[in-house]
N, C-alpha and C. Protein backbone atom coordinates (compact mmCIF):
# COMPACT_ATOMS: atom_id res chain seq x y z
N MET A 1 58.10 -19.46 32.06
CA MET A 1 57.90 -18.67 33.26
C MET A 1 58.92 -17.53 33.28
N VAL A 2 58.46 -16.32 33.46
CA VAL A 2 59.32 -15.14 33.50
C VAL A 2 59.31 -14.58 34.91
N GLN A 3 60.49 -14.22 35.39
CA GLN A 3 60.62 -13.62 36.72
C GLN A 3 61.04 -12.16 36.56
N ILE A 4 60.36 -11.28 37.29
CA ILE A 4 60.66 -9.84 37.25
C ILE A 4 61.23 -9.44 38.60
N GLN A 5 62.36 -8.73 38.55
CA GLN A 5 62.96 -8.24 39.79
C GLN A 5 63.66 -6.91 39.54
N SER A 6 63.87 -6.18 40.63
CA SER A 6 64.65 -4.95 40.57
C SER A 6 66.11 -5.35 40.39
N GLU A 7 66.75 -4.75 39.39
CA GLU A 7 68.12 -5.16 39.07
C GLU A 7 68.81 -4.07 38.27
N ARG A 8 70.08 -3.82 38.55
CA ARG A 8 70.90 -2.92 37.74
C ARG A 8 71.54 -3.74 36.63
N LEU A 9 71.27 -3.37 35.42
CA LEU A 9 71.81 -4.08 34.26
C LEU A 9 73.17 -3.53 33.88
N THR A 10 73.97 -4.36 33.24
CA THR A 10 75.23 -3.87 32.68
C THR A 10 74.92 -3.27 31.31
N ALA A 11 75.78 -2.39 30.87
CA ALA A 11 75.60 -1.77 29.55
C ALA A 11 75.64 -2.83 28.46
N ALA A 12 76.56 -3.78 28.55
CA ALA A 12 76.67 -4.82 27.52
C ALA A 12 75.39 -5.64 27.42
N GLU A 13 74.83 -6.02 28.56
CA GLU A 13 73.60 -6.83 28.52
C GLU A 13 72.43 -6.01 27.99
N TYR A 14 72.35 -4.74 28.38
CA TYR A 14 71.25 -3.91 27.90
C TYR A 14 71.36 -3.66 26.40
N ILE A 15 72.55 -3.40 25.92
CA ILE A 15 72.74 -3.18 24.48
C ILE A 15 72.37 -4.44 23.71
N ASP A 16 72.74 -5.61 24.21
CA ASP A 16 72.32 -6.86 23.58
C ASP A 16 70.80 -6.97 23.57
N PHE A 17 70.15 -6.60 24.66
CA PHE A 17 68.69 -6.61 24.73
C PHE A 17 68.09 -5.66 23.70
N LEU A 18 68.66 -4.47 23.56
CA LEU A 18 68.13 -3.48 22.60
C LEU A 18 68.12 -4.04 21.18
N LYS A 19 69.07 -4.89 20.87
CA LYS A 19 69.13 -5.48 19.53
C LYS A 19 67.96 -6.43 19.28
N ARG A 20 67.35 -6.93 20.36
CA ARG A 20 66.27 -7.91 20.24
C ARG A 20 64.90 -7.29 20.46
N THR A 21 64.84 -5.95 20.51
CA THR A 21 63.58 -5.24 20.76
C THR A 21 63.45 -4.07 19.80
N ASP A 22 62.29 -3.43 19.84
CA ASP A 22 62.10 -2.21 19.07
C ASP A 22 62.64 -0.98 19.80
N LEU A 23 63.08 -1.14 21.05
CA LEU A 23 63.70 -0.03 21.78
C LEU A 23 65.02 0.40 21.17
N GLY A 24 65.62 -0.46 20.38
CA GLY A 24 66.92 -0.18 19.80
C GLY A 24 66.94 0.97 18.82
N SER A 25 65.78 1.57 18.56
CA SER A 25 65.74 2.72 17.64
C SER A 25 65.33 4.01 18.35
N GLN A 26 65.32 4.02 19.67
CA GLN A 26 64.84 5.21 20.38
C GLN A 26 65.95 6.15 20.84
N TYR A 27 67.19 5.74 20.72
CA TYR A 27 68.30 6.55 21.20
C TYR A 27 69.02 7.23 20.05
N PRO A 28 69.59 8.41 20.30
CA PRO A 28 70.41 9.04 19.27
C PRO A 28 71.79 8.36 19.21
N ARG A 29 72.41 8.45 18.07
CA ARG A 29 73.74 7.87 17.88
C ARG A 29 74.80 8.58 18.74
N GLU A 30 74.64 9.90 18.94
CA GLU A 30 75.65 10.70 19.62
C GLU A 30 75.95 10.16 21.02
N ARG A 31 77.21 9.78 21.23
CA ARG A 31 77.74 9.33 22.51
C ARG A 31 76.94 8.19 23.13
N PHE A 32 76.34 7.35 22.30
CA PHE A 32 75.50 6.24 22.75
C PHE A 32 76.23 5.36 23.76
N GLU A 33 77.44 4.93 23.42
CA GLU A 33 78.20 4.00 24.27
C GLU A 33 78.54 4.63 25.63
N GLN A 34 78.69 5.94 25.70
CA GLN A 34 79.01 6.61 26.96
C GLN A 34 77.75 6.90 27.78
N ARG A 35 76.62 7.09 27.12
CA ARG A 35 75.42 7.51 27.81
C ARG A 35 74.61 6.35 28.40
N ILE A 36 74.63 5.19 27.73
CA ILE A 36 73.85 4.06 28.22
C ILE A 36 74.25 3.66 29.65
N PRO A 37 75.54 3.57 30.00
CA PRO A 37 75.87 3.23 31.39
C PRO A 37 75.29 4.24 32.40
N ARG A 38 75.26 5.52 32.05
CA ARG A 38 74.68 6.53 32.95
C ARG A 38 73.19 6.31 33.12
N LEU A 39 72.51 6.00 32.03
CA LEU A 39 71.08 5.70 32.09
C LEU A 39 70.83 4.56 33.07
N LEU A 40 71.58 3.48 32.91
CA LEU A 40 71.37 2.29 33.74
C LEU A 40 71.72 2.53 35.20
N GLN A 41 72.73 3.34 35.46
CA GLN A 41 73.15 3.61 36.83
C GLN A 41 72.19 4.53 37.56
N ASN A 42 71.56 5.45 36.85
CA ASN A 42 70.79 6.50 37.51
C ASN A 42 69.29 6.34 37.48
N ALA A 43 68.77 5.32 36.84
CA ALA A 43 67.32 5.10 36.84
C ALA A 43 66.85 4.82 38.26
N SER A 44 65.79 5.49 38.70
CA SER A 44 65.23 5.26 40.04
C SER A 44 64.59 3.88 40.13
N VAL A 45 63.98 3.47 39.03
CA VAL A 45 63.35 2.15 38.94
C VAL A 45 64.04 1.41 37.82
N SER A 46 64.55 0.23 38.13
CA SER A 46 65.25 -0.59 37.13
C SER A 46 64.78 -2.03 37.30
N LEU A 47 63.91 -2.46 36.40
CA LEU A 47 63.33 -3.81 36.48
C LEU A 47 63.77 -4.65 35.30
N ALA A 48 64.07 -5.91 35.59
CA ALA A 48 64.47 -6.86 34.56
C ALA A 48 63.53 -8.06 34.60
N ALA A 49 63.07 -8.48 33.44
CA ALA A 49 62.29 -9.72 33.30
C ALA A 49 63.20 -10.74 32.64
N ARG A 50 63.33 -11.89 33.28
CA ARG A 50 64.21 -12.95 32.77
C ARG A 50 63.43 -14.24 32.61
N ASP A 51 63.78 -14.97 31.55
CA ASP A 51 63.15 -16.26 31.33
C ASP A 51 63.79 -17.31 32.23
N ALA A 52 63.34 -18.56 32.10
CA ALA A 52 63.83 -19.64 32.98
C ALA A 52 65.33 -19.86 32.87
N GLU A 53 65.92 -19.52 31.72
CA GLU A 53 67.37 -19.67 31.52
C GLU A 53 68.15 -18.45 31.95
N GLY A 54 67.47 -17.41 32.42
CA GLY A 54 68.15 -16.20 32.86
C GLY A 54 68.35 -15.16 31.78
N LEU A 55 67.82 -15.41 30.58
CA LEU A 55 67.95 -14.45 29.48
C LEU A 55 67.05 -13.24 29.74
N LEU A 56 67.60 -12.06 29.54
CA LEU A 56 66.85 -10.82 29.70
C LEU A 56 65.82 -10.72 28.57
N VAL A 57 64.52 -10.71 28.92
CA VAL A 57 63.46 -10.67 27.91
C VAL A 57 62.57 -9.45 28.06
N GLY A 58 62.76 -8.66 29.13
CA GLY A 58 61.98 -7.45 29.31
C GLY A 58 62.69 -6.49 30.24
N VAL A 59 62.47 -5.19 30.02
CA VAL A 59 63.11 -4.16 30.83
C VAL A 59 62.15 -3.00 31.01
N LEU A 60 62.17 -2.43 32.21
CA LEU A 60 61.52 -1.15 32.45
C LEU A 60 62.48 -0.30 33.27
N LEU A 61 62.76 0.88 32.76
CA LEU A 61 63.58 1.87 33.46
C LEU A 61 62.74 3.12 33.66
N GLY A 62 62.87 3.75 34.81
CA GLY A 62 62.09 4.94 35.07
C GLY A 62 62.73 5.84 36.10
N VAL A 63 62.24 7.06 36.15
CA VAL A 63 62.69 8.06 37.11
C VAL A 63 61.45 8.47 37.91
N THR A 64 61.61 8.49 39.23
CA THR A 64 60.47 8.81 40.09
C THR A 64 60.90 9.63 41.30
N ASP A 65 59.94 10.33 41.89
CA ASP A 65 60.17 11.01 43.16
C ASP A 65 59.60 10.20 44.32
N PHE A 66 59.01 9.04 44.03
CA PHE A 66 58.42 8.12 45.01
C PHE A 66 57.27 8.75 45.79
N ALA A 67 56.73 9.85 45.30
CA ALA A 67 55.61 10.51 45.98
C ALA A 67 54.48 10.86 45.02
N TYR A 68 54.82 11.34 43.83
CA TYR A 68 53.81 11.80 42.89
C TYR A 68 53.97 11.25 41.47
N TRP A 69 55.20 11.15 40.96
CA TRP A 69 55.44 10.93 39.54
C TRP A 69 56.35 9.73 39.27
N LEU A 70 56.08 9.07 38.17
CA LEU A 70 56.99 8.09 37.59
C LEU A 70 57.04 8.37 36.10
N PHE A 71 58.22 8.68 35.59
CA PHE A 71 58.41 8.86 34.16
C PHE A 71 59.13 7.62 33.66
N VAL A 72 58.45 6.84 32.84
CA VAL A 72 59.04 5.62 32.29
C VAL A 72 59.88 6.02 31.08
N THR A 73 61.17 5.77 31.16
CA THR A 73 62.06 6.12 30.06
C THR A 73 62.19 4.98 29.06
N ASP A 74 62.12 3.75 29.55
CA ASP A 74 62.29 2.58 28.69
C ASP A 74 61.35 1.47 29.16
N LEU A 75 60.58 0.94 28.25
CA LEU A 75 59.78 -0.26 28.51
C LEU A 75 59.82 -1.08 27.24
N GLY A 76 60.42 -2.25 27.33
CA GLY A 76 60.53 -3.08 26.13
C GLY A 76 60.52 -4.55 26.47
N VAL A 77 60.09 -5.33 25.49
CA VAL A 77 60.05 -6.78 25.60
C VAL A 77 60.70 -7.34 24.34
N ALA A 78 61.52 -8.37 24.51
CA ALA A 78 62.16 -9.01 23.36
C ALA A 78 61.07 -9.45 22.37
N ARG A 79 61.35 -9.26 21.10
CA ARG A 79 60.36 -9.56 20.06
C ARG A 79 59.78 -10.97 20.17
N ASP A 80 60.61 -11.94 20.53
CA ASP A 80 60.11 -13.32 20.60
C ASP A 80 59.38 -13.63 21.91
N HIS A 81 59.19 -12.61 22.76
CA HIS A 81 58.44 -12.78 24.01
C HIS A 81 57.26 -11.81 24.11
N GLU A 82 56.95 -11.12 23.03
CA GLU A 82 55.83 -10.18 23.06
C GLU A 82 54.51 -10.92 23.20
N ARG A 83 53.51 -10.18 23.67
CA ARG A 83 52.14 -10.68 23.83
C ARG A 83 52.03 -11.82 24.83
N GLN A 84 52.88 -11.76 25.87
CA GLN A 84 52.82 -12.75 26.94
C GLN A 84 52.53 -12.09 28.29
N GLY A 85 52.21 -10.79 28.28
CA GLY A 85 51.90 -10.08 29.52
C GLY A 85 53.10 -9.52 30.26
N ILE A 86 54.28 -9.62 29.65
CA ILE A 86 55.51 -9.17 30.32
C ILE A 86 55.51 -7.64 30.47
N GLY A 87 55.17 -6.92 29.42
CA GLY A 87 55.14 -5.46 29.49
C GLY A 87 54.14 -4.97 30.53
N ARG A 88 52.97 -5.57 30.56
CA ARG A 88 51.95 -5.21 31.56
C ARG A 88 52.47 -5.48 32.97
N ALA A 89 53.09 -6.63 33.18
CA ALA A 89 53.62 -6.98 34.50
C ALA A 89 54.75 -6.04 34.92
N LEU A 90 55.61 -5.65 33.98
CA LEU A 90 56.67 -4.69 34.29
C LEU A 90 56.09 -3.35 34.72
N MET A 91 55.07 -2.88 34.00
CA MET A 91 54.46 -1.60 34.34
C MET A 91 53.80 -1.66 35.72
N LYS A 92 53.12 -2.75 36.02
CA LYS A 92 52.47 -2.90 37.32
C LYS A 92 53.52 -2.90 38.45
N LYS A 93 54.58 -3.64 38.27
CA LYS A 93 55.63 -3.72 39.30
C LYS A 93 56.32 -2.36 39.46
N ALA A 94 56.55 -1.63 38.37
CA ALA A 94 57.17 -0.30 38.45
C ALA A 94 56.29 0.67 39.22
N LEU A 95 55.01 0.64 38.95
CA LEU A 95 54.07 1.52 39.65
C LEU A 95 54.07 1.21 41.15
N GLU A 96 54.09 -0.06 41.50
CA GLU A 96 54.17 -0.45 42.91
C GLU A 96 55.48 0.02 43.53
N ALA A 97 56.60 -0.16 42.83
CA ALA A 97 57.91 0.24 43.35
C ALA A 97 58.00 1.74 43.58
N ALA A 98 57.33 2.52 42.74
CA ALA A 98 57.39 3.97 42.84
C ALA A 98 56.48 4.52 43.94
N GLY A 99 55.49 3.73 44.38
CA GLY A 99 54.62 4.21 45.45
C GLY A 99 53.18 3.80 45.34
N GLY A 100 52.79 3.16 44.26
CA GLY A 100 51.42 2.66 44.13
C GLY A 100 50.51 3.58 43.36
N GLU A 101 49.48 2.97 42.78
CA GLU A 101 48.60 3.74 41.87
C GLU A 101 47.77 4.80 42.57
N LYS A 102 47.61 4.76 43.88
CA LYS A 102 46.85 5.81 44.59
C LYS A 102 47.67 7.08 44.76
N ASP A 103 49.01 6.99 44.62
CA ASP A 103 49.87 8.15 44.79
C ASP A 103 50.64 8.56 43.54
N ILE A 104 50.87 7.65 42.62
CA ILE A 104 51.80 7.89 41.54
C ILE A 104 51.10 8.03 40.18
N ALA A 105 51.40 9.12 39.48
CA ALA A 105 50.96 9.32 38.10
C ALA A 105 52.11 8.88 37.19
N VAL A 106 51.80 8.13 36.15
CA VAL A 106 52.81 7.61 35.24
C VAL A 106 52.78 8.40 33.93
N TYR A 107 53.96 8.80 33.49
CA TYR A 107 54.12 9.49 32.21
C TYR A 107 55.20 8.78 31.41
N LEU A 108 55.11 8.90 30.10
CA LEU A 108 56.14 8.36 29.21
C LEU A 108 55.97 8.96 27.84
N ALA A 109 57.03 8.86 27.05
CA ALA A 109 56.98 9.26 25.64
C ALA A 109 56.87 7.96 24.85
N ALA A 110 55.73 7.75 24.22
CA ALA A 110 55.46 6.49 23.55
C ALA A 110 55.80 6.56 22.06
N HIS A 111 56.46 5.52 21.60
CA HIS A 111 56.65 5.36 20.16
C HIS A 111 55.27 5.12 19.56
N GLU A 112 55.05 5.66 18.37
CA GLU A 112 53.73 5.58 17.73
C GLU A 112 53.20 4.15 17.67
N LYS A 113 54.08 3.18 17.37
CA LYS A 113 53.64 1.79 17.28
C LYS A 113 53.24 1.20 18.63
N ALA A 114 53.70 1.81 19.73
CA ALA A 114 53.40 1.28 21.06
C ALA A 114 52.15 1.89 21.68
N ILE A 115 51.58 2.90 21.07
CA ILE A 115 50.41 3.58 21.65
C ILE A 115 49.26 2.61 21.93
N PRO A 116 48.91 1.69 21.03
CA PRO A 116 47.82 0.75 21.35
C PRO A 116 48.09 -0.07 22.62
N PHE A 117 49.32 -0.48 22.84
CA PHE A 117 49.67 -1.21 24.05
C PHE A 117 49.37 -0.37 25.29
N TYR A 118 49.83 0.88 25.30
CA TYR A 118 49.63 1.75 26.45
C TYR A 118 48.15 2.06 26.66
N GLU A 119 47.41 2.20 25.58
CA GLU A 119 45.98 2.43 25.71
C GLU A 119 45.29 1.23 26.35
N ARG A 120 45.74 0.01 26.02
CA ARG A 120 45.18 -1.19 26.66
C ARG A 120 45.48 -1.23 28.15
N LEU A 121 46.56 -0.56 28.57
CA LEU A 121 46.88 -0.46 30.00
C LEU A 121 46.03 0.58 30.71
N GLY A 122 45.24 1.33 29.95
CA GLY A 122 44.41 2.38 30.53
C GLY A 122 45.01 3.76 30.47
N MET A 123 46.15 3.90 29.79
CA MET A 123 46.79 5.21 29.66
C MET A 123 46.10 6.02 28.56
N LYS A 124 46.17 7.33 28.70
CA LYS A 124 45.58 8.24 27.72
C LYS A 124 46.63 9.23 27.23
N LYS A 125 46.44 9.71 26.01
CA LYS A 125 47.33 10.74 25.49
C LYS A 125 47.12 12.01 26.30
N PHE A 126 48.23 12.71 26.56
CA PHE A 126 48.23 13.91 27.39
C PHE A 126 48.81 15.03 26.55
N GLN A 127 48.18 16.20 26.56
CA GLN A 127 48.56 17.23 25.62
C GLN A 127 49.42 18.35 26.18
N ASN A 128 49.63 18.46 27.45
CA ASN A 128 50.36 19.60 28.01
C ASN A 128 51.83 19.31 28.27
N VAL A 129 52.40 18.35 27.65
CA VAL A 129 53.80 18.00 27.91
C VAL A 129 54.69 18.99 27.15
N MET A 130 55.67 19.52 27.85
CA MET A 130 56.60 20.48 27.26
C MET A 130 57.94 19.79 27.04
N GLN A 131 58.71 20.29 26.08
CA GLN A 131 59.99 19.69 25.75
C GLN A 131 61.03 20.79 25.60
N TYR A 132 62.21 20.53 26.11
CA TYR A 132 63.38 21.38 25.89
C TYR A 132 64.46 20.45 25.38
N ASN A 133 64.76 20.54 24.12
CA ASN A 133 65.68 19.59 23.52
C ASN A 133 66.58 20.30 22.53
N HIS A 134 67.81 20.49 22.93
CA HIS A 134 68.80 21.14 22.06
C HIS A 134 69.99 20.23 21.83
N ILE A 135 69.75 18.92 21.90
CA ILE A 135 70.84 17.97 21.70
C ILE A 135 70.88 17.51 20.26
N GLU A 136 72.05 17.07 19.84
CA GLU A 136 72.16 16.45 18.52
C GLU A 136 71.45 15.11 18.58
N TRP A 137 70.73 14.77 17.53
CA TRP A 137 69.95 13.54 17.54
C TRP A 137 69.99 12.90 16.16
N THR A 138 70.98 12.05 15.96
CA THR A 138 71.08 11.31 14.71
C THR A 138 70.42 9.95 14.95
N GLU A 139 69.35 9.69 14.22
CA GLU A 139 68.64 8.43 14.41
C GLU A 139 69.47 7.26 13.93
N PHE A 140 69.39 6.16 14.68
CA PHE A 140 70.02 4.92 14.28
C PHE A 140 69.34 3.79 15.05
N THR A 141 69.63 2.57 14.67
CA THR A 141 69.08 1.40 15.35
C THR A 141 70.24 0.56 15.86
N VAL A 142 70.16 0.18 17.13
CA VAL A 142 71.18 -0.67 17.73
C VAL A 142 71.08 -2.05 17.06
N GLU A 143 72.18 -2.46 16.48
CA GLU A 143 72.18 -3.77 15.79
C GLU A 143 73.34 -4.61 16.25
């Protein structure tokens, strides 16, 4: 049984979680240790899924205006808990927290391997997204 609740995670717990998911390869190496706490502190929506022992097995972080938009920055499930409906439940709870599906449009940048999951949720690829990115981005995986 997994319980999902709104919760601010610590950087140490989130970094440990990243090691157990495919999310651990989505961040740049530059200033990783300094930036993760800011991410966790400033997300408008911060959801944690925990198993019966309290272990973090799923996370959804997002930014919203609570009126029109929710941009999901992070959605991940621990590898040993995939295909149990946790990601779907996190997305549903985030949409409700942001204002509900009648008011809120959800956007995210999906890793290529995650596209089938998002398509099963009813999401579609969107072509008008613009990007301004002048940051250093050295790829690495949190291990």
